[in-house]
N, C-alpha and C. Protein backbone atom coordinates (compact mmCIF):
# COMPACT_ATOMS: atom_id res chain seq x y z
N UNK A 1 47.29 -215.51 -8.87
CA UNK A 1 46.86 -214.96 -10.14
C UNK A 1 47.19 -215.99 -11.23
N UNK A 2 46.20 -216.35 -12.04
CA UNK A 2 46.47 -217.33 -13.08
C UNK A 2 47.07 -216.64 -14.31
N UNK A 3 47.46 -217.42 -15.30
CA UNK A 3 48.13 -216.91 -16.48
C UNK A 3 47.36 -215.84 -17.21
N UNK A 4 46.04 -216.02 -17.34
CA UNK A 4 45.23 -215.02 -18.03
C UNK A 4 45.18 -213.71 -17.27
N UNK A 5 45.09 -213.81 -15.94
CA UNK A 5 45.08 -212.59 -15.11
C UNK A 5 46.40 -211.85 -15.22
N UNK A 6 47.50 -212.60 -15.18
CA UNK A 6 48.83 -211.98 -15.31
C UNK A 6 48.96 -211.32 -16.67
N UNK A 7 48.53 -212.00 -17.71
CA UNK A 7 48.61 -211.45 -19.06
C UNK A 7 47.78 -210.17 -19.17
N UNK A 8 46.58 -210.17 -18.60
CA UNK A 8 45.72 -208.99 -18.63
C UNK A 8 46.35 -207.84 -17.83
N UNK A 9 46.95 -208.17 -16.70
CA UNK A 9 47.61 -207.15 -15.88
C UNK A 9 48.80 -206.56 -16.62
N UNK A 10 49.60 -207.41 -17.24
CA UNK A 10 50.76 -206.94 -18.02
C UNK A 10 50.28 -206.03 -19.15
N UNK A 11 49.22 -206.41 -19.81
CA UNK A 11 48.69 -205.61 -20.92
C UNK A 11 48.22 -204.24 -20.42
N UNK A 12 47.50 -204.21 -19.30
CA UNK A 12 47.02 -202.94 -18.74
C UNK A 12 48.19 -202.04 -18.34
N UNK A 13 49.16 -202.60 -17.64
CA UNK A 13 50.31 -201.82 -17.21
C UNK A 13 51.11 -201.29 -18.40
N UNK A 14 51.34 -202.16 -19.36
CA UNK A 14 52.09 -201.77 -20.55
C UNK A 14 51.35 -200.69 -21.33
N UNK A 15 50.05 -200.85 -21.46
CA UNK A 15 49.25 -199.85 -22.18
C UNK A 15 49.29 -198.49 -21.47
N UNK A 16 49.25 -198.51 -20.15
CA UNK A 16 49.32 -197.26 -19.39
C UNK A 16 50.68 -196.60 -19.59
N UNK A 17 51.75 -197.38 -19.61
CA UNK A 17 53.09 -196.82 -19.84
C UNK A 17 53.20 -196.22 -21.23
N UNK A 18 52.61 -196.88 -22.20
CA UNK A 18 52.60 -196.34 -23.57
C UNK A 18 51.80 -195.04 -23.60
N UNK A 19 50.64 -195.02 -22.95
CA UNK A 19 49.79 -193.82 -22.94
C UNK A 19 50.50 -192.64 -22.29
N UNK A 20 51.32 -192.91 -21.30
CA UNK A 20 52.06 -191.83 -20.63
C UNK A 20 53.33 -191.45 -21.38
N UNK A 21 53.65 -192.19 -22.42
CA UNK A 21 54.84 -191.89 -23.20
C UNK A 21 56.13 -192.36 -22.56
N UNK A 22 56.02 -193.27 -21.58
CA UNK A 22 57.21 -193.77 -20.90
C UNK A 22 57.95 -194.79 -21.76
N UNK A 23 57.20 -195.57 -22.50
CA UNK A 23 57.81 -196.56 -23.40
C UNK A 23 56.94 -196.74 -24.62
N UNK A 24 57.51 -197.33 -25.63
CA UNK A 24 56.76 -197.62 -26.84
C UNK A 24 56.00 -198.92 -26.71
N UNK A 25 55.07 -199.11 -27.60
CA UNK A 25 54.28 -200.35 -27.59
C UNK A 25 55.20 -201.53 -27.83
N UNK A 26 54.92 -202.63 -27.15
CA UNK A 26 55.72 -203.84 -27.28
C UNK A 26 54.89 -204.93 -27.95
N UNK A 27 55.57 -205.75 -28.69
CA UNK A 27 54.92 -206.91 -29.30
C UNK A 27 54.84 -208.02 -28.25
N UNK A 28 54.04 -209.03 -28.55
CA UNK A 28 53.93 -210.18 -27.66
C UNK A 28 55.30 -210.84 -27.45
N UNK A 29 56.10 -210.91 -28.52
CA UNK A 29 57.43 -211.51 -28.43
C UNK A 29 58.34 -210.69 -27.51
N UNK A 30 58.23 -209.36 -27.59
CA UNK A 30 59.05 -208.50 -26.72
C UNK A 30 58.64 -208.67 -25.26
N UNK A 31 57.34 -208.79 -25.01
CA UNK A 31 56.89 -209.04 -23.64
C UNK A 31 57.44 -210.37 -23.13
N UNK A 32 57.36 -211.41 -23.95
CA UNK A 32 57.84 -212.72 -23.54
C UNK A 32 59.35 -212.71 -23.28
N UNK A 33 60.09 -211.99 -24.12
CA UNK A 33 61.53 -211.88 -23.91
C UNK A 33 61.83 -211.17 -22.59
N UNK A 34 61.06 -210.12 -22.28
CA UNK A 34 61.26 -209.39 -21.02
C UNK A 34 60.90 -210.28 -19.83
N UNK A 35 59.87 -211.10 -19.98
CA UNK A 35 59.50 -212.04 -18.91
C UNK A 35 60.68 -212.96 -18.62
N UNK A 36 61.28 -213.51 -19.67
CA UNK A 36 62.43 -214.41 -19.51
C UNK A 36 63.62 -213.67 -18.90
N UNK A 37 63.87 -212.47 -19.38
CA UNK A 37 65.02 -211.68 -18.92
C UNK A 37 64.91 -211.32 -17.43
N UNK A 38 63.71 -211.01 -16.99
CA UNK A 38 63.52 -210.56 -15.61
C UNK A 38 63.25 -211.70 -14.63
N UNK A 39 63.08 -212.92 -15.14
CA UNK A 39 62.94 -214.05 -14.23
C UNK A 39 61.53 -214.55 -14.01
N UNK A 40 60.61 -214.20 -14.88
CA UNK A 40 59.27 -214.75 -14.78
C UNK A 40 58.20 -213.68 -14.85
N UNK A 41 56.95 -214.13 -14.98
CA UNK A 41 55.85 -213.20 -15.15
C UNK A 41 55.62 -212.27 -13.95
N UNK A 42 55.82 -212.79 -12.74
CA UNK A 42 55.63 -211.93 -11.57
C UNK A 42 56.67 -210.81 -11.53
N UNK A 43 57.92 -211.16 -11.83
CA UNK A 43 58.98 -210.15 -11.85
C UNK A 43 58.72 -209.11 -12.94
N UNK A 44 58.25 -209.55 -14.08
CA UNK A 44 57.95 -208.62 -15.17
C UNK A 44 56.79 -207.70 -14.81
N UNK A 45 55.77 -208.29 -14.21
CA UNK A 45 54.61 -207.49 -13.78
C UNK A 45 55.04 -206.45 -12.75
N UNK A 46 55.88 -206.85 -11.79
CA UNK A 46 56.38 -205.92 -10.77
C UNK A 46 57.22 -204.82 -11.42
N UNK A 47 58.01 -205.19 -12.41
CA UNK A 47 58.85 -204.22 -13.12
C UNK A 47 57.98 -203.19 -13.84
N UNK A 48 56.93 -203.65 -14.52
CA UNK A 48 56.02 -202.74 -15.20
C UNK A 48 55.28 -201.85 -14.20
N UNK A 49 54.81 -202.44 -13.11
CA UNK A 49 54.09 -201.67 -12.10
C UNK A 49 54.99 -200.60 -11.49
N UNK A 50 56.25 -200.93 -11.24
CA UNK A 50 57.18 -199.94 -10.70
C UNK A 50 57.45 -198.82 -11.70
N UNK A 51 57.55 -199.17 -12.97
CA UNK A 51 57.74 -198.14 -13.99
C UNK A 51 56.53 -197.22 -14.05
N UNK A 52 55.35 -197.79 -13.97
CA UNK A 52 54.12 -196.99 -13.99
C UNK A 52 54.04 -196.11 -12.74
N UNK A 53 54.39 -196.68 -11.60
CA UNK A 53 54.40 -195.90 -10.36
C UNK A 53 55.36 -194.72 -10.48
N UNK A 54 56.54 -194.95 -11.02
CA UNK A 54 57.50 -193.87 -11.20
C UNK A 54 56.97 -192.77 -12.11
N UNK A 55 56.33 -193.18 -13.19
CA UNK A 55 55.76 -192.18 -14.11
C UNK A 55 54.64 -191.40 -13.43
N UNK A 56 53.80 -192.10 -12.67
CA UNK A 56 52.71 -191.43 -11.97
C UNK A 56 53.26 -190.50 -10.89
N UNK A 57 54.30 -190.92 -10.20
CA UNK A 57 54.91 -190.08 -9.18
C UNK A 57 55.52 -188.81 -9.80
N UNK A 58 56.14 -188.96 -10.95
CA UNK A 58 56.70 -187.78 -11.62
C UNK A 58 55.59 -186.79 -11.96
N UNK A 59 54.46 -187.30 -12.44
CA UNK A 59 53.32 -186.43 -12.74
C UNK A 59 52.77 -185.79 -11.46
N UNK A 60 52.69 -186.58 -10.39
CA UNK A 60 52.18 -186.07 -9.12
C UNK A 60 53.10 -185.01 -8.53
N UNK A 61 54.42 -185.17 -8.70
CA UNK A 61 55.36 -184.17 -8.20
C UNK A 61 55.14 -182.83 -8.90
N UNK A 62 54.92 -182.88 -10.19
CA UNK A 62 54.64 -181.65 -10.95
C UNK A 62 53.32 -181.05 -10.46
N UNK A 63 52.31 -181.89 -10.31
CA UNK A 63 51.00 -181.41 -9.86
C UNK A 63 51.06 -180.83 -8.45
N UNK A 64 51.89 -181.42 -7.58
CA UNK A 64 51.99 -180.92 -6.21
C UNK A 64 52.64 -179.55 -6.13
N UNK A 65 53.30 -179.13 -7.18
CA UNK A 65 53.90 -177.78 -7.20
C UNK A 65 52.90 -176.71 -7.66
N UNK A 66 51.73 -177.13 -8.11
CA UNK A 66 50.72 -176.17 -8.54
C UNK A 66 50.16 -175.42 -7.34
N UNK A 67 49.83 -174.15 -7.53
CA UNK A 67 49.25 -173.40 -6.41
C UNK A 67 47.79 -173.81 -6.19
N UNK A 68 47.55 -174.57 -5.14
CA UNK A 68 46.21 -175.04 -4.80
C UNK A 68 45.87 -174.60 -3.39
N UNK A 69 44.59 -174.43 -3.14
CA UNK A 69 44.16 -174.13 -1.78
C UNK A 69 44.41 -175.36 -0.91
N UNK A 70 44.39 -175.16 0.38
CA UNK A 70 44.59 -176.26 1.31
C UNK A 70 43.52 -177.33 1.10
N UNK A 71 42.26 -176.92 0.93
CA UNK A 71 41.18 -177.88 0.71
C UNK A 71 41.36 -178.65 -0.59
N UNK A 72 41.79 -177.94 -1.64
CA UNK A 72 42.02 -178.62 -2.93
C UNK A 72 43.16 -179.61 -2.82
N UNK A 73 44.23 -179.21 -2.12
CA UNK A 73 45.38 -180.11 -1.96
C UNK A 73 44.94 -181.37 -1.19
N UNK A 74 44.15 -181.19 -0.14
CA UNK A 74 43.66 -182.33 0.62
C UNK A 74 42.81 -183.24 -0.28
N UNK A 75 41.95 -182.65 -1.10
CA UNK A 75 41.10 -183.44 -2.00
C UNK A 75 41.95 -184.22 -3.00
N UNK A 76 43.02 -183.60 -3.48
CA UNK A 76 43.93 -184.28 -4.41
C UNK A 76 44.58 -185.48 -3.73
N UNK A 77 45.08 -185.27 -2.53
CA UNK A 77 45.74 -186.36 -1.82
C UNK A 77 44.73 -187.43 -1.41
N UNK A 78 43.52 -187.02 -1.08
CA UNK A 78 42.47 -187.97 -0.74
C UNK A 78 42.16 -188.86 -1.95
N UNK A 79 42.24 -188.28 -3.13
CA UNK A 79 41.97 -189.02 -4.37
C UNK A 79 42.94 -190.18 -4.51
N UNK A 80 44.19 -189.98 -4.10
CA UNK A 80 45.17 -191.06 -4.14
C UNK A 80 44.72 -192.21 -3.24
N UNK A 81 44.26 -191.87 -2.04
CA UNK A 81 43.81 -192.90 -1.12
C UNK A 81 42.58 -193.63 -1.65
N UNK A 82 41.67 -192.86 -2.28
CA UNK A 82 40.48 -193.47 -2.88
C UNK A 82 40.88 -194.44 -3.99
N UNK A 83 41.80 -193.99 -4.86
CA UNK A 83 42.23 -194.83 -5.99
C UNK A 83 42.93 -196.09 -5.50
N UNK A 84 43.64 -195.99 -4.38
CA UNK A 84 44.32 -197.15 -3.82
C UNK A 84 43.36 -198.05 -3.04
N UNK A 85 42.13 -197.57 -2.85
CA UNK A 85 41.13 -198.37 -2.15
C UNK A 85 41.35 -198.46 -0.64
N UNK A 86 41.97 -197.42 -0.05
CA UNK A 86 42.28 -197.48 1.37
C UNK A 86 41.66 -196.34 2.19
N UNK A 87 40.93 -195.45 1.55
CA UNK A 87 40.48 -194.24 2.24
C UNK A 87 39.52 -194.52 3.40
N UNK A 88 38.75 -195.58 3.34
CA UNK A 88 37.76 -195.83 4.38
C UNK A 88 38.22 -196.84 5.43
N UNK A 89 39.44 -197.32 5.32
CA UNK A 89 39.95 -198.33 6.25
C UNK A 89 41.26 -197.86 6.86
N UNK A 90 41.23 -197.41 8.13
CA UNK A 90 42.44 -196.88 8.75
C UNK A 90 43.62 -197.86 8.74
N UNK A 91 43.37 -199.14 8.93
CA UNK A 91 44.46 -200.12 8.94
C UNK A 91 45.10 -200.24 7.56
N UNK A 92 44.28 -200.27 6.51
CA UNK A 92 44.81 -200.36 5.15
C UNK A 92 45.51 -199.06 4.77
N UNK A 93 44.99 -197.92 5.23
CA UNK A 93 45.62 -196.63 4.96
C UNK A 93 47.00 -196.58 5.63
N UNK A 94 47.08 -197.06 6.87
CA UNK A 94 48.37 -197.10 7.57
C UNK A 94 49.34 -198.04 6.86
N UNK A 95 48.83 -199.17 6.36
CA UNK A 95 49.69 -200.11 5.63
C UNK A 95 50.22 -199.46 4.35
N UNK A 96 49.38 -198.67 3.66
CA UNK A 96 49.84 -197.97 2.47
C UNK A 96 50.94 -196.97 2.82
N UNK A 97 50.73 -196.22 3.89
CA UNK A 97 51.73 -195.24 4.31
C UNK A 97 53.04 -195.94 4.67
N UNK A 98 52.93 -197.04 5.39
CA UNK A 98 54.13 -197.80 5.76
C UNK A 98 54.87 -198.29 4.50
N UNK A 99 54.13 -198.79 3.53
CA UNK A 99 54.73 -199.24 2.28
C UNK A 99 55.39 -198.07 1.56
N UNK A 100 54.72 -196.91 1.51
CA UNK A 100 55.28 -195.75 0.83
C UNK A 100 56.58 -195.31 1.50
N UNK A 101 56.60 -195.30 2.81
CA UNK A 101 57.82 -194.90 3.52
C UNK A 101 58.94 -195.90 3.23
N UNK A 102 58.62 -197.20 3.30
CA UNK A 102 59.63 -198.23 3.03
C UNK A 102 60.19 -198.09 1.62
N UNK A 103 59.32 -197.88 0.67
CA UNK A 103 59.75 -197.78 -0.73
C UNK A 103 60.52 -196.49 -0.97
N UNK A 104 60.03 -195.38 -0.39
CA UNK A 104 60.69 -194.09 -0.59
C UNK A 104 62.06 -194.04 0.06
N UNK A 105 62.22 -194.74 1.17
CA UNK A 105 63.48 -194.65 1.89
C UNK A 105 64.46 -195.78 1.55
N UNK A 106 64.10 -196.65 0.66
CA UNK A 106 64.95 -197.80 0.34
C UNK A 106 66.33 -197.40 -0.16
N UNK A 107 66.42 -196.27 -0.84
CA UNK A 107 67.70 -195.84 -1.39
C UNK A 107 68.57 -195.06 -0.40
N UNK A 108 68.02 -194.67 0.74
CA UNK A 108 68.79 -193.86 1.69
C UNK A 108 70.06 -194.54 2.19
N UNK A 109 70.05 -195.83 2.56
CA UNK A 109 71.31 -196.45 2.98
C UNK A 109 72.39 -196.41 1.87
N UNK A 110 71.98 -196.61 0.63
CA UNK A 110 72.95 -196.55 -0.48
C UNK A 110 73.51 -195.13 -0.63
N UNK A 111 72.64 -194.13 -0.50
CA UNK A 111 73.10 -192.74 -0.57
C UNK A 111 74.06 -192.46 0.58
N UNK A 112 73.74 -192.96 1.77
CA UNK A 112 74.61 -192.77 2.93
C UNK A 112 75.98 -193.41 2.69
N UNK A 113 76.01 -194.58 2.04
CA UNK A 113 77.28 -195.24 1.72
C UNK A 113 78.09 -194.43 0.71
N UNK A 114 77.39 -193.86 -0.27
CA UNK A 114 78.07 -193.08 -1.30
C UNK A 114 78.67 -191.79 -0.76
N UNK A 115 78.04 -191.24 0.28
CA UNK A 115 78.45 -189.96 0.84
C UNK A 115 78.83 -190.14 2.31
N UNK A 116 79.83 -190.97 2.53
CA UNK A 116 80.22 -191.33 3.90
C UNK A 116 80.56 -190.12 4.76
N UNK A 117 81.05 -189.06 4.18
CA UNK A 117 81.45 -187.90 4.98
C UNK A 117 80.26 -186.99 5.30
N UNK A 118 79.08 -187.27 4.73
CA UNK A 118 77.90 -186.47 4.98
C UNK A 118 76.97 -187.24 5.92
N UNK A 119 76.79 -186.75 7.15
CA UNK A 119 75.95 -187.49 8.09
C UNK A 119 74.45 -187.38 7.82
N UNK A 120 74.03 -186.48 6.95
CA UNK A 120 72.59 -186.26 6.75
C UNK A 120 71.91 -187.45 6.06
N UNK A 121 72.47 -188.01 4.97
CA UNK A 121 71.79 -189.19 4.40
C UNK A 121 71.68 -190.34 5.40
N UNK A 122 72.70 -190.51 6.23
CA UNK A 122 72.64 -191.55 7.26
C UNK A 122 71.55 -191.23 8.28
N UNK A 123 71.47 -189.97 8.69
CA UNK A 123 70.43 -189.56 9.64
C UNK A 123 69.04 -189.76 9.03
N UNK A 124 68.90 -189.45 7.75
CA UNK A 124 67.61 -189.63 7.08
C UNK A 124 67.25 -191.12 7.01
N UNK A 125 68.24 -191.97 6.72
CA UNK A 125 67.99 -193.41 6.68
C UNK A 125 67.57 -193.92 8.06
N UNK A 126 68.23 -193.42 9.09
CA UNK A 126 67.90 -193.86 10.44
C UNK A 126 66.50 -193.38 10.85
N UNK A 127 66.18 -192.15 10.50
CA UNK A 127 64.85 -191.62 10.82
C UNK A 127 63.77 -192.40 10.05
N UNK A 128 64.05 -192.75 8.79
CA UNK A 128 63.09 -193.53 8.01
C UNK A 128 62.89 -194.91 8.61
N UNK A 129 63.98 -195.52 9.08
CA UNK A 129 63.87 -196.82 9.73
C UNK A 129 63.00 -196.71 10.98
N UNK A 130 63.21 -195.65 11.75
CA UNK A 130 62.40 -195.44 12.96
C UNK A 130 60.93 -195.22 12.60
N UNK A 131 60.68 -194.44 11.55
CA UNK A 131 59.31 -194.19 11.13
C UNK A 131 58.62 -195.49 10.71
N UNK A 132 59.33 -196.32 9.97
CA UNK A 132 58.75 -197.60 9.56
C UNK A 132 58.41 -198.46 10.78
N UNK A 133 59.31 -198.48 11.75
CA UNK A 133 59.07 -199.25 12.97
C UNK A 133 57.87 -198.68 13.73
N UNK A 134 57.80 -197.36 13.84
CA UNK A 134 56.69 -196.73 14.55
C UNK A 134 55.35 -197.02 13.86
N UNK A 135 55.35 -196.99 12.53
CA UNK A 135 54.12 -197.30 11.81
C UNK A 135 53.71 -198.76 12.03
N UNK A 136 54.68 -199.65 12.05
CA UNK A 136 54.39 -201.07 12.31
C UNK A 136 53.87 -201.25 13.74
N UNK A 137 54.48 -200.55 14.68
CA UNK A 137 54.02 -200.64 16.07
C UNK A 137 52.59 -200.10 16.18
N UNK A 138 52.33 -199.00 15.49
CA UNK A 138 50.98 -198.44 15.51
C UNK A 138 49.95 -199.42 14.99
N UNK A 139 50.27 -200.09 13.90
CA UNK A 139 49.35 -201.08 13.34
C UNK A 139 49.17 -202.26 14.29
N UNK A 140 50.26 -202.75 14.84
CA UNK A 140 50.18 -203.90 15.75
C UNK A 140 49.44 -203.53 17.04
N UNK A 141 49.70 -202.32 17.52
CA UNK A 141 49.05 -201.88 18.75
C UNK A 141 47.55 -201.74 18.55
N UNK A 142 47.16 -201.15 17.42
CA UNK A 142 45.73 -201.00 17.13
C UNK A 142 45.05 -202.36 17.09
N UNK A 143 45.67 -203.29 16.40
CA UNK A 143 45.10 -204.64 16.32
C UNK A 143 45.08 -205.32 17.67
N UNK A 144 46.13 -205.14 18.46
CA UNK A 144 46.20 -205.77 19.77
C UNK A 144 45.16 -205.20 20.71
N UNK A 145 44.96 -203.89 20.67
CA UNK A 145 43.94 -203.27 21.52
C UNK A 145 42.56 -203.77 21.13
N UNK A 146 42.30 -203.81 19.82
CA UNK A 146 41.00 -204.28 19.34
C UNK A 146 40.74 -205.73 19.77
N UNK A 147 41.81 -206.55 19.77
CA UNK A 147 41.67 -207.96 20.11
C UNK A 147 41.82 -208.23 21.61
N UNK A 148 42.23 -207.20 22.38
CA UNK A 148 42.49 -207.40 23.80
C UNK A 148 43.70 -208.27 24.06
N UNK A 149 44.68 -208.24 23.16
CA UNK A 149 45.87 -209.10 23.22
C UNK A 149 46.99 -208.38 23.97
N UNK A 150 47.03 -208.57 25.28
CA UNK A 150 48.02 -207.90 26.13
C UNK A 150 49.44 -208.35 25.79
N UNK A 151 49.61 -209.61 25.48
CA UNK A 151 50.95 -210.13 25.15
C UNK A 151 51.52 -209.43 23.92
N UNK A 152 50.69 -209.27 22.88
CA UNK A 152 51.16 -208.59 21.67
C UNK A 152 51.47 -207.13 21.96
N UNK A 153 50.70 -206.50 22.83
CA UNK A 153 50.99 -205.13 23.24
C UNK A 153 52.35 -205.05 23.93
N UNK A 154 52.63 -206.01 24.80
CA UNK A 154 53.89 -206.01 25.54
C UNK A 154 55.09 -206.15 24.61
N UNK A 155 54.93 -206.93 23.55
CA UNK A 155 56.01 -207.13 22.58
C UNK A 155 56.39 -205.81 21.91
N UNK A 156 55.43 -204.91 21.81
CA UNK A 156 55.69 -203.64 21.12
C UNK A 156 56.67 -202.76 21.88
N UNK A 157 56.84 -202.99 23.16
CA UNK A 157 57.79 -202.19 23.94
C UNK A 157 59.20 -202.31 23.38
N UNK A 158 59.61 -203.51 23.03
CA UNK A 158 60.96 -203.68 22.47
C UNK A 158 61.07 -203.01 21.10
N UNK A 159 60.00 -203.07 20.34
CA UNK A 159 60.02 -202.41 19.02
C UNK A 159 60.06 -200.89 19.19
N UNK A 160 59.37 -200.37 20.19
CA UNK A 160 59.44 -198.94 20.46
C UNK A 160 60.85 -198.53 20.87
N UNK A 161 61.54 -199.39 21.62
CA UNK A 161 62.93 -199.10 21.98
C UNK A 161 63.82 -199.09 20.73
N UNK A 162 63.54 -200.01 19.79
CA UNK A 162 64.29 -200.02 18.52
C UNK A 162 64.07 -198.71 17.78
N UNK A 163 62.82 -198.25 17.72
CA UNK A 163 62.52 -197.00 17.02
C UNK A 163 63.22 -195.83 17.71
N UNK A 164 63.19 -195.83 19.03
CA UNK A 164 63.84 -194.75 19.79
C UNK A 164 65.34 -194.75 19.53
N UNK A 165 65.94 -195.94 19.50
CA UNK A 165 67.38 -196.05 19.24
C UNK A 165 67.72 -195.50 17.85
N UNK A 166 66.90 -195.84 16.83
CA UNK A 166 67.14 -195.33 15.47
C UNK A 166 66.96 -193.81 15.42
N UNK A 167 65.94 -193.30 16.12
CA UNK A 167 65.73 -191.84 16.16
C UNK A 167 66.89 -191.14 16.86
N UNK A 168 67.39 -191.75 17.93
CA UNK A 168 68.53 -191.16 18.63
C UNK A 168 69.76 -191.14 17.73
N UNK A 169 69.97 -192.21 16.98
CA UNK A 169 71.10 -192.24 16.04
C UNK A 169 70.95 -191.15 14.97
N UNK A 170 69.72 -190.94 14.50
CA UNK A 170 69.48 -189.88 13.53
C UNK A 170 69.79 -188.52 14.14
N UNK A 171 69.37 -188.31 15.38
CA UNK A 171 69.68 -187.05 16.06
C UNK A 171 71.18 -186.88 16.25
N UNK A 172 71.86 -187.95 16.63
CA UNK A 172 73.31 -187.88 16.82
C UNK A 172 74.02 -187.49 15.52
N UNK A 173 73.58 -188.06 14.39
CA UNK A 173 74.19 -187.71 13.11
C UNK A 173 73.85 -186.28 12.70
N UNK A 174 72.67 -185.83 13.05
CA UNK A 174 72.31 -184.43 12.79
C UNK A 174 73.20 -183.51 13.63
N UNK A 175 73.46 -183.90 14.88
CA UNK A 175 74.33 -183.11 15.75
C UNK A 175 75.75 -183.03 15.19
N UNK A 176 76.22 -184.09 14.54
CA UNK A 176 77.55 -184.06 13.92
C UNK A 176 77.64 -182.91 12.92
N UNK A 177 76.63 -182.78 12.06
CA UNK A 177 76.66 -181.71 11.07
C UNK A 177 76.53 -180.35 11.75
N UNK A 178 75.67 -180.26 12.76
CA UNK A 178 75.51 -178.98 13.48
C UNK A 178 76.83 -178.57 14.13
N UNK A 179 77.57 -179.54 14.69
CA UNK A 179 78.88 -179.24 15.28
C UNK A 179 79.87 -178.78 14.21
N UNK A 180 79.83 -179.45 13.06
CA UNK A 180 80.70 -179.04 11.94
C UNK A 180 80.39 -177.61 11.52
N UNK A 181 79.12 -177.31 11.38
CA UNK A 181 78.71 -175.96 10.96
C UNK A 181 79.09 -174.95 12.04
N UNK A 182 78.96 -175.34 13.29
CA UNK A 182 79.33 -174.43 14.39
C UNK A 182 80.82 -174.15 14.42
N UNK A 183 81.63 -175.10 13.96
CA UNK A 183 83.08 -174.91 13.99
C UNK A 183 83.55 -173.94 12.90
N UNK A 184 82.69 -173.66 11.94
CA UNK A 184 83.06 -172.69 10.88
C UNK A 184 82.27 -171.39 11.03
N UNK A 185 81.76 -171.17 12.25
CA UNK A 185 81.05 -169.93 12.58
C UNK A 185 79.87 -169.63 11.67
N UNK A 186 79.03 -170.62 11.43
CA UNK A 186 77.81 -170.39 10.65
C UNK A 186 76.61 -170.27 11.54
């Protein structure tokens, strides 16, 4: 992306944040100061995009609580895929889901560290790790089958074992809490 494209992208993202009421309008000097503070135009653009994503997610969370029919809910979620440009391409749709899982679960290890005596955040982090691995295996397997690449298919066996190990660890941590609850007659 050249300088003009980055500038246009920053302007669009910033304008959207202003429109949503997340932040006030910034001057060119304030944008430049933020670019310097965050380590460059790419970092600033990513920072703005993440802020916009957070604002959009907050709006979507509220909207997802509305009473909608199953068909309406599906249409709403389909709209997200359409807007992301992935609805007609299964590989790109899977990549979006994998990215969403990775981004959504990024904080789980930190939560697990903060709550060392609670095995559930650790189990959730382990399950998320397994899900990310399974999604990656699914994408690689689909591509390998399409290409007839037996070697790449064989490599997925070790990744499937990694996913299974992470899922087993999640189950083991879930069992810890179930045993705790069982010891207090719940």
